[in-house]
Amino acid sequence: MKSEDSKISKLEDKLGQLAMEYRSAESTDSQRRAIASYSKVLNEVYALDDGWLGPDADSCLPEDLMPKAYLERKAKRIKSFKSKV
């Protein structure tokens, strides 16, 4: 479990780095590469911990560029929260 937590922590750091790369990219191609890598890393985290709540706000891409897996989980959490209120 500790090893898995460490791996998730490293992947979370990578998400932050990729979000920064996206924001500082000087070309559309660089942005596309950052988005593709971001999606891959995000899916790796979900594969390790399906209940992971998602990246910190500063480690996110713009909402319309966030991977489908993230958006689906976010919608599910909101729906679950609203059903409890």
Protein backbone atom coordinates (compact mmCIF):
# COMPACT_ATOMS: atom_id res chain seq x y z
CA MET A 1 0.00 0.00 0.00
CA LYS A 2 2.81 2.42 0.87
CA SER A 3 4.47 1.76 -2.48
CA GLU A 4 1.17 2.42 -4.26
CA ASP A 5 0.71 5.70 -2.33
CA SER A 6 4.22 6.75 -3.32
CA LYS A 7 3.53 5.97 -6.97
CA ILE A 8 0.26 7.94 -6.86
CA SER A 9 2.08 10.87 -5.27
CA LYS A 10 4.67 10.85 -8.06
CA LEU A 11 1.93 10.67 -10.68
CA GLU A 12 0.12 13.59 -9.02
CA ASP A 13 3.36 15.59 -9.25
CA LYS A 14 3.59 14.65 -12.93
CA LEU A 15 0.04 15.92 -13.51
CA GLY A 16 1.06 19.26 -12.04
CA GLN A 17 4.12 19.38 -14.29
CA LEU A 18 2.06 18.56 -17.36
CA ALA A 19 -0.52 21.23 -16.50
CA MET A 20 2.33 23.75 -16.25
CA GLU A 21 3.74 22.53 -19.56
CA TYR A 22 0.33 23.05 -21.16
CA ARG A 23 0.00 26.58 -19.74
CA SER A 24 3.50 27.57 -20.85
CA ALA A 25 3.41 25.85 -24.26
CA GLU A 26 4.37 28.09 -27.15
CA SER A 27 2.74 25.97 -29.84
CA THR A 28 -0.44 24.04 -30.43
CA ASP A 29 1.60 20.86 -30.92
CA SER A 30 3.23 21.30 -27.51
CA GLN A 31 -0.20 21.81 -25.96
CA ARG A 32 -1.53 18.67 -27.66
CA ARG A 33 1.41 16.61 -26.39
CA ALA A 34 0.88 17.90 -22.85
CA ILE A 35 -2.84 17.09 -23.01
CA ALA A 36 -2.20 13.56 -24.33
CA SER A 37 0.42 12.88 -21.66
CA TYR A 38 -1.86 14.32 -18.99
CA SER A 39 -4.67 11.96 -19.98
CA LYS A 40 -2.33 8.97 -19.90
CA VAL A 41 -0.98 9.85 -16.43
CA LEU A 42 -4.48 10.54 -15.08
CA ASN A 43 -5.62 7.11 -16.27
CA GLU A 44 -2.60 5.54 -14.55
CA VAL A 45 -3.69 7.09 -11.26
CA TYR A 46 -7.25 5.84 -11.69
CA ALA A 47 -5.91 2.36 -12.48
CA LEU A 48 -4.08 2.39 -9.14
CA ASP A 49 -6.93 3.96 -7.14
CA ASP A 50 -10.36 4.07 -8.77
CA GLY A 51 -11.68 6.15 -5.86
CA TRP A 52 -9.06 8.88 -6.25
CA LEU A 53 -10.82 12.25 -6.13
CA GLY A 54 -8.72 13.92 -8.80
CA PRO A 55 -5.90 16.41 -9.09
CA ASP A 56 -5.55 19.63 -7.12
CA ALA A 57 -7.01 22.69 -8.84
CA ASP A 58 -3.58 23.99 -9.83
CA SER A 59 -2.79 20.63 -11.42
CA CYS A 60 -5.83 20.70 -13.70
CA LEU A 61 -6.08 21.62 -17.34
CA PRO A 62 -8.90 23.96 -18.39
CA GLU A 63 -12.21 22.19 -17.73
CA ASP A 64 -13.00 21.63 -21.42
CA LEU A 65 -9.64 19.88 -21.89
CA MET A 66 -9.79 17.59 -18.87
CA PRO A 67 -9.88 13.90 -19.82
CA LYS A 68 -13.24 12.16 -20.12
CA ALA A 69 -12.41 9.82 -17.21
CA TYR A 70 -12.01 12.80 -14.89
CA LEU A 71 -15.18 14.55 -16.09
CA GLU A 72 -17.27 11.38 -15.70
CA ARG A 73 -16.03 10.79 -12.15
CA LYS A 74 -16.58 14.44 -11.26
CA ALA A 75 -20.18 14.32 -12.55
CA LYS A 76 -20.79 11.12 -10.60
CA ARG A 77 -19.47 12.70 -7.36
CA ILE A 78 -21.65 15.79 -7.85
CA LYS A 79 -24.71 13.65 -8.53
CA SER A 80 -23.99 11.55 -5.44
CA PHE A 81 -23.51 14.66 -3.31
CA LYS A 82 -26.76 16.23 -4.54
CA SER A 83 -28.70 13.05 -3.80
CA LYS A 84 -27.53 13.21 -0.17
CA VAL A 85 -28.49 16.86 0.36
